[in-house]
Each structure stands twice: as C-alpha cells, then as structure tokens.
C-alpha cells in the first residue's frame, strides 16, 4: 500500500484519465521532446493520488508507448505527467558477448525509485533517449547499483542490478528528478542515429569514437 493516509486526488485522477483517453485505439501517447518544462521538473512522489483503475490504465499505456517507440524504458514526465512513475523492460539480444552486459529485464513498473552505487566501477557506452529523438551520446554510469522502488500495488522492492539493466534503471530514475542523460554525457561523442550506425555501431565499446571525435572514456 502507498500509506495509510493515501487519498485519491480527484482532479488529478480525472486529468490523467482524460489524457489516457487520447491514446485512442493504438493505446499510445506522444512522447514529450526536449524543451518541454516537464522534463526538467522534480516529479511528485506517488502516494496513491490515482484510483487503481487509472493507475493500471496509465501503466498499460506507458508500456505500449515504450514498446511502440521502441524503447526499453519510459518515465511519466516523458508523456507529460509529473509523477514518480516509470516502466522498464528489455530482453536478451542474439550476441551474448556484448560488452554492455545486456541481460533479461522483465517488465516492471518502478514507482518512487532510487539507486546508489555498489562498488566504484563505472562504464561508458552510447545511450539514447526517447525524448531526444535521433541522437545518442556516450554516458558514464555505475556498473552495479542497489535499486529500490515500489510496484503498482505499493509493495517495496530492493535489488542489486548489474550492467545494462542497471543503466536502464539509472536512466529512468534520473528522469524523475528532471535529469536527462545528455546532461552528463560526453558532448563530443554526440552522434545522429544514422552516423552511429555508419561509424561506431560495430564496436559497442566506444574507443574508436573517443579517438576520432576527441573525448575521454572512464576506465572500463
């Protein structure tokens, strides 16, 4: 549960319900792009402001919007809603030797998430964002984290996460405090999706890009 004093915010519940109605038959919403103030604002902790019906609809629409994009995570501000709610999901690729350490990440709703580093190791890889379409940049993040969140039923979870799933969790959690990955990315690494595919996608470790574009990598 989200606390004994949790109360539905009727006005907000109606607002979100109306927003979800705009999803139409496809069940997806437009993704907010950089420049919209909501992406730079601290979200409000979720404490049961929405009815169970509205919350479930919101989670379903967020998941559909994420998968349709396609993406591996989506935070509520990315659909214009300032609540501390995000969804994440990713699956194994064919290449098991991928140095990004991609691993199975079942669908999860992460509410009021937080994280802290486990150890001191950081890794640098190209990263993108559905709210900055068409570009990616190298971002250093913690390799291992202790992640904490609540699910849609208010149950608390805590889990040590590693590799790519840890990166996804960090990315989406940061959105909820008004941070976008580009804020701490290596700006000289910024690349269009087309150029990333043309020049750098053959090697997930961006050593070639660092040499050619003139930026430094944190130790892998």
Protein backbone atom coordinates (compact mmCIF):
# COMPACT_ATOMS: atom_id res chain seq x y z
CA UNK A 1 0.00 0.00 0.00
CA UNK A 2 1.06 3.61 -0.51
CA UNK A 3 0.47 4.62 3.11
CA UNK A 4 -2.46 4.76 5.46
CA UNK A 5 -3.12 8.40 4.62
CA UNK A 6 -3.16 7.87 0.85
CA UNK A 7 -6.01 9.75 -0.78
CA UNK A 8 -7.06 9.92 -4.40
CA UNK A 9 -6.55 13.37 -5.91
CA UNK A 10 -9.84 13.54 -7.80
CA UNK A 11 -8.80 16.41 -10.04
CA UNK A 12 -5.52 14.73 -11.00
CA UNK A 13 -7.26 11.38 -11.47
CA UNK A 14 -9.71 12.96 -13.93
CA UNK A 15 -6.87 14.77 -15.69
CA UNK A 16 -4.89 11.57 -16.17
CA UNK A 17 -7.99 9.65 -17.22
CA UNK A 18 -8.68 12.28 -19.91
CA UNK A 19 -5.06 12.14 -21.05
CA UNK A 20 -5.22 8.37 -21.38
CA UNK A 21 -8.39 8.65 -23.45
CA UNK A 22 -6.28 10.50 -26.02
CA UNK A 23 -4.27 7.31 -26.53
CA UNK A 24 -7.01 6.16 -28.91
CA UNK A 25 -7.22 2.75 -30.48
CA UNK A 26 -3.44 2.35 -30.73
CA UNK A 27 -3.14 2.79 -26.97
CA UNK A 28 -0.07 5.06 -27.19
CA UNK A 29 0.68 8.67 -26.38
CA UNK A 30 3.05 11.21 -27.91
CA UNK A 31 6.45 11.31 -26.21
CA UNK A 32 7.46 14.73 -24.90
CA UNK A 33 10.63 16.10 -26.52
CA UNK A 34 13.45 18.21 -25.07
CA UNK A 35 12.45 21.77 -24.33
CA UNK A 36 9.22 20.85 -22.56
CA UNK A 37 9.42 22.11 -18.94
CA UNK A 38 8.04 18.85 -17.51
CA UNK A 39 11.30 17.09 -18.43
CA UNK A 40 13.22 19.47 -16.15
CA UNK A 41 10.98 19.40 -13.11
CA UNK A 42 11.20 17.27 -9.98
CA UNK A 43 8.34 14.81 -10.03
CA UNK A 44 5.88 14.43 -7.18
CA UNK A 45 6.30 11.19 -5.20
CA UNK A 46 3.46 8.80 -5.91
CA UNK A 47 1.36 8.25 -2.78
CA UNK A 48 -1.90 6.88 -4.14
CA UNK A 49 -3.12 10.02 -5.93
CA UNK A 50 -4.73 7.94 -8.70
CA UNK A 51 -7.51 5.40 -8.49
CA UNK A 52 -6.42 1.81 -9.04
CA UNK A 53 -8.24 1.78 -12.38
CA UNK A 54 -6.48 4.93 -13.61
CA UNK A 55 -3.07 3.75 -12.38
CA UNK A 56 -3.45 0.41 -14.17
CA UNK A 57 -4.51 2.17 -17.38
CA UNK A 58 -1.57 4.55 -17.08
CA UNK A 59 0.90 1.69 -16.69
CA UNK A 60 -0.53 -0.15 -19.69
CA UNK A 61 -0.44 2.93 -21.91
CA UNK A 62 3.11 3.74 -20.80
CA UNK A 63 4.22 0.20 -21.65
CA UNK A 64 2.57 0.30 -25.07
CA UNK A 65 4.09 3.71 -25.78
CA UNK A 66 7.55 2.49 -24.72
CA UNK A 67 7.40 -0.65 -26.87
CA UNK A 68 5.94 1.19 -29.85
CA UNK A 69 8.73 3.80 -29.82
CA UNK A 70 10.61 1.38 -29.50
CA UNK A 71 12.43 1.79 -26.20
CA UNK A 72 13.44 -0.06 -23.05
CA UNK A 73 12.13 2.46 -20.53
CA UNK A 74 9.71 5.35 -20.21
CA UNK A 75 9.20 7.79 -17.35
CA UNK A 76 5.93 9.59 -16.64
CA UNK A 77 7.39 13.05 -17.47
CA UNK A 78 8.01 11.76 -20.99
CA UNK A 79 4.26 11.68 -21.52
CA UNK A 80 3.80 14.99 -19.72
CA UNK A 81 2.95 13.70 -16.24
CA UNK A 82 4.92 14.86 -13.22
CA UNK A 83 4.58 11.75 -11.04
CA UNK A 84 7.43 9.48 -9.93
CA UNK A 85 6.42 6.52 -12.07
CA UNK A 86 8.38 4.74 -14.81
CA UNK A 87 8.27 1.48 -16.71
CA UNK A 88 11.25 -0.60 -17.85
CA UNK A 89 11.66 -3.74 -19.96
CA UNK A 90 14.45 -5.26 -22.04
CA UNK A 91 15.39 -8.68 -23.36
CA UNK A 92 18.49 -10.59 -24.40
CA UNK A 93 19.92 -9.97 -27.84
CA UNK A 94 21.47 -12.60 -30.10
CA UNK A 95 25.02 -11.52 -29.25
CA UNK A 96 25.77 -12.94 -25.81
CA UNK A 97 29.29 -11.41 -25.87
CA UNK A 98 28.01 -7.84 -25.97
CA UNK A 99 30.31 -5.85 -23.62
CA UNK A 100 27.35 -3.76 -22.43
CA UNK A 101 26.27 -6.86 -20.46
CA UNK A 102 22.70 -6.84 -21.66
CA UNK A 103 20.57 -9.20 -19.60
CA UNK A 104 16.94 -10.19 -19.32
CA UNK A 105 14.93 -7.41 -17.66
CA UNK A 106 11.27 -8.41 -17.29
CA UNK A 107 8.64 -5.69 -17.46
CA UNK A 108 8.44 -3.71 -14.25
CA UNK A 109 6.65 -0.65 -13.02
CA UNK A 110 9.06 1.30 -10.82
CA UNK A 111 7.36 3.83 -8.55
CA UNK A 112 9.34 6.26 -6.36
CA UNK A 113 12.60 4.59 -7.46
CA UNK A 114 16.05 5.35 -6.11
CA UNK A 115 19.51 3.87 -6.50
CA UNK A 116 23.03 4.00 -5.14
CA UNK A 117 26.33 2.59 -6.42
CA UNK A 118 27.67 -0.80 -5.40
CA UNK A 119 31.44 -0.54 -5.68
CA UNK A 120 33.26 2.12 -7.67
CA UNK A 121 33.27 0.76 -11.24
CA UNK A 122 31.73 2.88 -13.97
CA UNK A 123 31.30 2.06 -17.67
CA UNK A 124 30.85 4.31 -20.70
CA UNK A 125 28.59 3.40 -23.60
CA UNK A 126 26.43 5.14 -26.16
CA UNK A 127 22.99 5.87 -24.76
CA UNK A 128 19.86 7.41 -26.25
CA UNK A 129 16.56 8.82 -25.06
CA UNK A 130 13.05 8.78 -26.49
CA UNK A 131 12.77 12.46 -25.56
CA UNK A 132 15.82 13.37 -27.67
CA UNK A 133 14.95 11.58 -30.86
CA UNK A 134 17.58 10.88 -33.47
CA UNK A 135 20.72 11.24 -31.35
CA UNK A 136 22.90 9.28 -28.96
CA UNK A 137 25.93 10.13 -26.83
CA UNK A 138 28.39 8.34 -24.57
CA UNK A 139 27.39 8.41 -20.91
CA UNK A 140 29.32 7.05 -17.95
CA UNK A 141 27.21 5.21 -15.36
CA UNK A 142 27.64 2.91 -12.40
CA UNK A 143 28.14 -0.72 -13.42
CA UNK A 144 26.42 -2.06 -10.28
CA UNK A 145 23.69 -0.40 -8.24
CA UNK A 146 21.40 -1.09 -5.32
CA UNK A 147 17.95 -0.28 -6.72
CA UNK A 148 14.84 0.38 -4.65
CA UNK A 149 11.27 1.01 -5.77
CA UNK A 150 7.61 0.28 -5.18
CA UNK A 151 5.41 -1.64 -7.58
CA UNK A 152 1.88 -0.74 -8.66
CA UNK A 153 0.50 -2.34 -5.50
CA UNK A 154 2.74 -0.32 -3.22
CA UNK A 155 5.00 -3.25 -2.34
CA UNK A 156 8.62 -2.29 -1.72
CA UNK A 157 11.44 -3.91 -3.66
CA UNK A 158 15.20 -3.81 -3.37
CA UNK A 159 17.58 -5.47 -5.81
CA UNK A 160 21.22 -5.34 -6.87
CA UNK A 161 21.35 -4.64 -10.60
CA UNK A 162 24.30 -5.04 -12.96
CA UNK A 163 25.30 -3.98 -16.44
CA UNK A 164 22.70 -2.81 -18.96
CA UNK A 165 19.66 -3.33 -16.70
CA UNK A 166 21.39 -1.12 -14.11
CA UNK A 167 21.94 1.53 -16.79
CA UNK A 168 18.26 1.45 -17.77
CA UNK A 169 17.17 1.81 -14.14
CA UNK A 170 19.53 4.77 -13.63
CA UNK A 171 18.36 6.46 -16.84
CA UNK A 172 14.66 6.27 -15.99
CA UNK A 173 15.11 7.16 -12.32
CA UNK A 174 17.11 10.24 -13.30
CA UNK A 175 14.19 11.41 -15.46
CA UNK A 176 12.07 11.66 -12.32
CA UNK A 177 14.39 14.28 -10.84
CA UNK A 178 14.47 16.39 -14.00
CA UNK A 179 17.73 14.99 -15.38
CA UNK A 180 18.23 13.83 -18.97
CA UNK A 181 21.14 11.57 -19.91
CA UNK A 182 22.72 14.23 -22.11
CA UNK A 183 23.34 16.43 -19.03
CA UNK A 184 26.36 14.33 -18.04
CA UNK A 185 27.22 12.79 -21.40
CA UNK A 186 30.43 13.30 -23.36
CA UNK A 187 29.17 16.07 -25.64
CA UNK A 188 31.88 15.50 -28.25
CA UNK A 189 30.51 11.96 -28.67
CA UNK A 190 27.05 13.20 -29.71
CA UNK A 191 26.03 11.42 -32.90
CA UNK A 192 22.97 11.12 -35.05
CA UNK A 193 21.50 7.65 -35.14
CA UNK A 194 22.49 7.36 -38.79
CA UNK A 195 26.12 8.26 -38.13
CA UNK A 196 26.25 5.99 -35.11
CA UNK A 197 25.17 3.11 -37.32
CA UNK A 198 27.62 4.13 -40.05
CA UNK A 199 30.74 4.67 -37.96
CA UNK A 200 30.52 3.33 -34.42
CA UNK A 201 27.87 0.61 -34.02
CA UNK A 202 30.29 -2.18 -34.97
CA UNK A 203 32.02 -1.84 -31.57
CA UNK A 204 29.77 -1.21 -28.54
CA UNK A 205 32.81 -0.06 -26.53
CA UNK A 206 33.21 3.47 -27.93
CA UNK A 207 37.02 3.51 -28.05
CA UNK A 208 37.10 4.29 -31.77
CA UNK A 209 34.60 7.10 -31.35
CA UNK A 210 36.63 8.50 -28.45
CA UNK A 211 39.77 8.59 -30.57
CA UNK A 212 38.17 10.04 -33.70
CA UNK A 213 35.82 12.52 -32.01
CA UNK A 214 38.22 13.60 -29.28
CA UNK A 215 36.77 12.67 -25.91
CA UNK A 216 37.89 10.60 -22.93
CA UNK A 217 36.44 7.35 -21.61
CA UNK A 218 36.27 6.35 -17.98
CA UNK A 219 38.07 3.10 -17.24
CA UNK A 220 36.04 0.07 -18.31
